[in-house]
Amino acid sequence: MPQHAQITRVCRDCDGFATVAITAGTRHADGSRATLRVTCPACKGTGHTVPVALVRTGR
């Protein structure tokens, strides 16, 4: 029997690229670029999300 892989949901805000490096435009003394590491605030740097729990609404 074939095994079914679990489907991990990719974060819709970052498309799975949870951490990016942004260049600041300046350079260090050795010539390398100064970068900032930014993580996705929606998935907190994991790249995937958990299924949304069913929410019961009532009056």
PDB file of N, CA and C in Angstrom:
ATOM      1  N   MET A   1       0.834  -1.179   0.000  1.00  0.00           N
ATOM      2  CA  MET A   1       0.000   0.000   0.000  1.00  0.00           C
ATOM      3  C   MET A   1       0.876   1.238   0.000  1.00  0.00           C
ATOM      4  N   PRO A   2       0.481   2.243  -0.742  1.00  0.00           N
ATOM      5  CA  PRO A   2       1.260   3.478  -0.745  1.00  0.00           C
ATOM      6  C   PRO A   2       1.070   4.250   0.561  1.00  0.00           C
ATOM      7  N   GLN A   3       2.112   4.916   0.970  1.00  0.00           N
ATOM      8  CA  GLN A   3       2.055   5.737   2.165  1.00  0.00           C
ATOM      9  C   GLN A   3       1.726   7.167   1.758  1.00  0.00           C
ATOM     10  N   HIS A   4       0.836   7.775   2.480  1.00  0.00           N
ATOM     11  CA  HIS A   4       0.450   9.148   2.193  1.00  0.00           C
ATOM     12  C   HIS A   4       1.224  10.093   3.100  1.00  0.00           C
ATOM     13  N   ALA A   5       1.836  11.097   2.503  1.00  0.00           N
ATOM     14  CA  ALA A   5       2.578  12.091   3.273  1.00  0.00           C
ATOM     15  C   ALA A   5       1.613  13.122   3.833  1.00  0.00           C
ATOM     16  N   GLN A   6       1.920  13.594   5.024  1.00  0.00           N
ATOM     17  CA  GLN A   6       1.100  14.646   5.601  1.00  0.00           C
ATOM     18  C   GLN A   6       1.376  15.951   4.862  1.00  0.00           C
ATOM     19  N   ILE A   7       0.336  16.689   4.628  1.00  0.00           N
ATOM     20  CA  ILE A   7       0.462  17.964   3.922  1.00  0.00           C
ATOM     21  C   ILE A   7       0.696  19.056   4.953  1.00  0.00           C
ATOM     22  N   THR A   8       1.847  19.718   4.864  1.00  0.00           N
ATOM     23  CA  THR A   8       2.095  20.851   5.743  1.00  0.00           C
ATOM     24  C   THR A   8       1.645  22.112   5.030  1.00  0.00           C
ATOM     25  N   ARG A   9       0.897  22.917   5.711  1.00  0.00           N
ATOM     26  CA  ARG A   9       0.355  24.129   5.107  1.00  0.00           C
ATOM     27  C   ARG A   9       1.415  25.216   5.100  1.00  0.00           C
ATOM     28  N   VAL A  10       1.671  25.759   3.935  1.00  0.00           N
ATOM     29  CA  VAL A  10       2.658  26.817   3.772  1.00  0.00           C
ATOM     30  C   VAL A  10       2.024  28.130   4.198  1.00  0.00           C
ATOM     31  N   CYS A  11       2.790  28.930   4.889  1.00  0.00           N
ATOM     32  CA  CYS A  11       2.310  30.235   5.354  1.00  0.00           C
ATOM     33  C   CYS A  11       1.913  31.089   4.153  1.00  0.00           C
ATOM     34  N   ARG A  12       0.715  31.652   4.187  1.00  0.00           N
ATOM     35  CA  ARG A  12       0.253  32.445   3.048  1.00  0.00           C
ATOM     36  C   ARG A  12       0.872  33.841   3.022  1.00  0.00           C
ATOM     37  N   ASP A  13       1.442  34.280   4.124  1.00  0.00           N
ATOM     38  CA  ASP A  13       2.056  35.604   4.149  1.00  0.00           C
ATOM     39  C   ASP A  13       3.462  35.601   3.555  1.00  0.00           C
ATOM     40  N   CYS A  14       4.231  34.539   3.820  1.00  0.00           N
ATOM     41  CA  CYS A  14       5.624  34.523   3.356  1.00  0.00           C
ATOM     42  C   CYS A  14       5.892  33.453   2.294  1.00  0.00           C
ATOM     43  N   ASP A  15       4.895  32.628   1.951  1.00  0.00           N
ATOM     44  CA  ASP A  15       5.032  31.566   0.945  1.00  0.00           C
ATOM     45  C   ASP A  15       6.115  30.557   1.303  1.00  0.00           C
ATOM     46  N   GLY A  16       6.377  30.357   2.568  1.00  0.00           N
ATOM     47  CA  GLY A  16       7.359  29.375   3.001  1.00  0.00           C
ATOM     48  C   GLY A  16       8.766  29.928   3.177  1.00  0.00           C
ATOM     49  N   PHE A  17       9.006  31.162   2.739  1.00  0.00           N
ATOM     50  CA  PHE A  17      10.305  31.807   2.941  1.00  0.00           C
ATOM     51  C   PHE A  17      10.212  32.629   4.220  1.00  0.00           C
ATOM     52  N   ALA A  18      10.394  31.964   5.353  1.00  0.00           N
ATOM     53  CA  ALA A  18      10.095  32.570   6.638  1.00  0.00           C
ATOM     54  C   ALA A  18      11.132  33.580   7.104  1.00  0.00           C
ATOM     55  N   THR A  19      12.382  33.426   6.693  1.00  0.00           N
ATOM     56  CA  THR A  19      13.435  34.345   7.104  1.00  0.00           C
ATOM     57  C   THR A  19      14.138  34.876   5.866  1.00  0.00           C
ATOM     58  N   VAL A  20      14.301  36.178   5.795  1.00  0.00           N
ATOM     59  CA  VAL A  20      14.980  36.802   4.659  1.00  0.00           C
ATOM     60  C   VAL A  20      16.098  37.691   5.163  1.00  0.00           C
ATOM     61  N   ALA A  21      17.087  37.922   4.309  1.00  0.00           N
ATOM     62  CA  ALA A  21      18.179  38.847   4.626  1.00  0.00           C
ATOM     63  C   ALA A  21      18.047  40.059   3.713  1.00  0.00           C
ATOM     64  N   ILE A  22      17.958  41.222   4.296  1.00  0.00           N
ATOM     65  CA  ILE A  22      17.804  42.468   3.544  1.00  0.00           C
ATOM     66  C   ILE A  22      19.091  43.259   3.673  1.00  0.00           C
ATOM     67  N   THR A  23      19.630  43.688   2.528  1.00  0.00           N
ATOM     68  CA  THR A  23      20.856  44.488   2.589  1.00  0.00           C
ATOM     69  C   THR A  23      20.512  45.911   2.993  1.00  0.00           C
ATOM     70  N   ALA A  24      21.351  46.485   3.828  1.00  0.00           N
ATOM     71  CA  ALA A  24      21.123  47.831   4.329  1.00  0.00           C
ATOM     72  C   ALA A  24      21.753  48.889   3.427  1.00  0.00           C
ATOM     73  N   GLY A  25      22.555  48.462   2.448  1.00  0.00           N
ATOM     74  CA  GLY A  25      23.181  49.408   1.544  1.00  0.00           C
ATOM     75  C   GLY A  25      24.560  49.849   2.003  1.00  0.00           C
ATOM     76  N   THR A  26      24.935  49.548   3.213  1.00  0.00           N
ATOM     77  CA  THR A  26      26.258  49.911   3.726  1.00  0.00           C
ATOM     78  C   THR A  26      27.155  48.689   3.728  1.00  0.00           C
ATOM     79  N   ARG A  27      28.449  48.922   3.899  1.00  0.00           N
ATOM     80  CA  ARG A  27      29.413  47.831   3.925  1.00  0.00           C
ATOM     81  C   ARG A  27      30.216  47.881   5.216  1.00  0.00           C
ATOM     82  N   HIS A  28      30.679  46.700   5.638  1.00  0.00           N
ATOM     83  CA  HIS A  28      31.557  46.602   6.799  1.00  0.00           C
ATOM     84  C   HIS A  28      32.981  46.986   6.384  1.00  0.00           C
ATOM     85  N   ALA A  29      33.875  47.065   7.348  1.00  0.00           N
ATOM     86  CA  ALA A  29      35.263  47.442   7.067  1.00  0.00           C
ATOM     87  C   ALA A  29      35.960  46.423   6.157  1.00  0.00           C
ATOM     88  N   ASP A  30      35.539  45.149   6.214  1.00  0.00           N
ATOM     89  CA  ASP A  30      36.169  44.130   5.369  1.00  0.00           C
ATOM     90  C   ASP A  30      35.568  44.063   3.971  1.00  0.00           C
ATOM     91  N   GLY A  31      34.549  44.871   3.687  1.00  0.00           N
ATOM     92  CA  GLY A  31      33.950  44.926   2.359  1.00  0.00           C
ATOM     93  C   GLY A  31      32.654  44.148   2.209  1.00  0.00           C
ATOM     94  N   SER A  32      32.285  43.378   3.210  1.00  0.00           N
ATOM     95  CA  SER A  32      31.036  42.622   3.123  1.00  0.00           C
ATOM     96  C   SER A  32      29.853  43.551   3.397  1.00  0.00           C
ATOM     97  N   ARG A  33      28.698  43.168   2.902  1.00  0.00           N
ATOM     98  CA  ARG A  33      27.506  44.004   3.063  1.00  0.00           C
ATOM     99  C   ARG A  33      26.868  43.805   4.437  1.00  0.00           C
ATOM    100  N   ALA A  34      26.319  44.878   4.958  1.00  0.00           N
ATOM    101  CA  ALA A  34      25.578  44.818   6.213  1.00  0.00           C
ATOM    102  C   ALA A  34      24.154  44.368   5.893  1.00  0.00           C
ATOM    103  N   THR A  35      23.683  43.305   6.543  1.00  0.00           N
ATOM    104  CA  THR A  35      22.352  42.774   6.277  1.00  0.00           C
ATOM    105  C   THR A  35      21.527  42.716   7.555  1.00  0.00           C
ATOM    106  N   LEU A  36      20.219  42.737   7.376  1.00  0.00           N
ATOM    107  CA  LEU A  36      19.269  42.587   8.472  1.00  0.00           C
ATOM    108  C   LEU A  36      18.502  41.291   8.243  1.00  0.00           C
ATOM    109  N   ARG A  37      18.359  40.466   9.265  1.00  0.00           N
ATOM    110  CA  ARG A  37      17.560  39.244   9.157  1.00  0.00           C
ATOM    111  C   ARG A  37      16.167  39.536   9.691  1.00  0.00           C
ATOM    112  N   VAL A  38      15.151  39.261   8.866  1.00  0.00           N
ATOM    113  CA  VAL A  38      13.766  39.533   9.236  1.00  0.00           C
ATOM    114  C   VAL A  38      12.976  38.230   9.138  1.00  0.00           C
ATOM    115  N   THR A  39      12.202  37.922  10.169  1.00  0.00           N
ATOM    116  CA  THR A  39      11.364  36.726  10.157  1.00  0.00           C
ATOM    117  C   THR A  39       9.902  37.116   9.975  1.00  0.00           C
ATOM    118  N   CYS A  40       9.133  36.205   9.407  1.00  0.00           N
ATOM    119  CA  CYS A  40       7.713  36.438   9.158  1.00  0.00           C
ATOM    120  C   CYS A  40       6.963  36.511  10.489  1.00  0.00           C
ATOM    121  N   PRO A  41       6.205  37.581  10.721  1.00  0.00           N
ATOM    122  CA  PRO A  41       5.485  37.693  11.987  1.00  0.00           C
ATOM    123  C   PRO A  41       4.272  36.765  12.071  1.00  0.00           C
ATOM    124  N   ALA A  42       3.752  36.326  10.931  1.00  0.00           N
ATOM    125  CA  ALA A  42       2.560  35.466  10.952  1.00  0.00           C
ATOM    126  C   ALA A  42       2.890  34.050  11.403  1.00  0.00           C
ATOM    127  N   CYS A  43       3.974  33.472  10.863  1.00  0.00           N
ATOM    128  CA  CYS A  43       4.326  32.089  11.215  1.00  0.00           C
ATOM    129  C   CYS A  43       5.484  32.029  12.205  1.00  0.00           C
ATOM    130  N   LYS A  44       6.008  33.178  12.582  1.00  0.00           N
ATOM    131  CA  LYS A  44       7.114  33.297  13.544  1.00  0.00           C
ATOM    132  C   LYS A  44       8.374  32.552  13.100  1.00  0.00           C
ATOM    133  N   GLY A  45       8.624  32.579  11.790  1.00  0.00           N
ATOM    134  CA  GLY A  45       9.855  32.009  11.262  1.00  0.00           C
ATOM    135  C   GLY A  45       9.832  30.524  10.963  1.00  0.00           C
ATOM    136  N   THR A  46       8.677  29.866  11.035  1.00  0.00           N
ATOM    137  CA  THR A  46       8.636  28.436  10.758  1.00  0.00           C
ATOM    138  C   THR A  46       8.377  28.131   9.294  1.00  0.00           C
ATOM    139  N   GLY A  47       7.669  28.984   8.584  1.00  0.00           N
ATOM    140  CA  GLY A  47       7.374  28.771   7.173  1.00  0.00           C
ATOM    141  C   GLY A  47       6.075  28.047   6.901  1.00  0.00           C
ATOM    142  N   HIS A  48       5.435  27.527   7.942  1.00  0.00           N
ATOM    143  CA  HIS A  48       4.144  26.863   7.753  1.00  0.00           C
ATOM    144  C   HIS A  48       3.199  27.244   8.887  1.00  0.00           C
ATOM    145  N   THR A  49       1.941  27.002   8.646  1.00  0.00           N
ATOM    146  CA  THR A  49       0.928  27.354   9.632  1.00  0.00           C
ATOM    147  C   THR A  49       0.177  26.110  10.061  1.00  0.00           C
ATOM    148  N   VAL A  50      -0.475  26.180  11.180  1.00  0.00           N
ATOM    149  CA  VAL A  50      -1.314  25.088  11.657  1.00  0.00           C
ATOM    150  C   VAL A  50      -2.723  25.307  11.136  1.00  0.00           C
ATOM    151  N   PRO A  51      -3.483  24.240  10.930  1.00  0.00           N
ATOM    152  CA  PRO A  51      -4.868  24.407  10.468  1.00  0.00           C
ATOM    153  C   PRO A  51      -5.670  25.234  11.466  1.00  0.00           C
ATOM    154  N   VAL A  52      -6.528  26.041  10.940  1.00  0.00           N
ATOM    155  CA  VAL A  52      -7.361  26.896  11.780  1.00  0.00           C
ATOM    156  C   VAL A  52      -8.423  26.030  12.441  1.00  0.00           C
ATOM    157  N   ALA A  53      -8.559  26.155  13.731  1.00  0.00           N
ATOM    158  CA  ALA A  53      -9.574  25.396  14.448  1.00  0.00           C
ATOM    159  C   ALA A  53     -10.959  25.938  14.093  1.00  0.00           C
ATOM    160  N   LEU A  54     -11.882  25.050  14.077  1.00  0.00           N
ATOM    161  CA  LEU A  54     -13.241  25.486  13.782  1.00  0.00           C
ATOM    162  C   LEU A  54     -13.746  26.343  14.930  1.00  0.00           C
ATOM    163  N   VAL A  55     -14.264  27.471  14.580  1.00  0.00           N
ATOM    164  CA  VAL A  55     -14.759  28.414  15.581  1.00  0.00           C
ATOM    165  C   VAL A  55     -16.272  28.344  15.586  1.00  0.00           C
ATOM    166  N   ARG A  56     -16.842  28.131  16.752  1.00  0.00           N
ATOM    167  CA  ARG A  56     -18.300  28.064  16.870  1.00  0.00           C
ATOM    168  C   ARG A  56     -18.836  29.451  17.182  1.00  0.00           C
ATOM    169  N   THR A  57     -19.734  29.885  16.345  1.00  0.00           N
ATOM    170  CA  THR A  57     -20.335  31.196  16.578  1.00  0.00           C
ATOM    171  C   THR A  57     -21.777  30.984  17.022  1.00  0.00           C
ATOM    172  N   GLY A  58     -22.236  31.815  17.879  1.00  0.00           N
ATOM    173  CA  GLY A  58     -23.597  31.713  18.368  1.00  0.00           C
ATOM    174  C   GLY A  58     -24.153  33.078  18.690  1.00  0.00           C
ATOM    175  N   ARG A  59     -25.356  33.062  19.142  1.00  0.00           N
ATOM    176  CA  ARG A  59     -25.993  34.336  19.470  1.00  0.00           C
ATOM    177  C   ARG A  59     -25.787  34.687  20.905  1.00  0.00           C
TER     178      ARG A  59
END
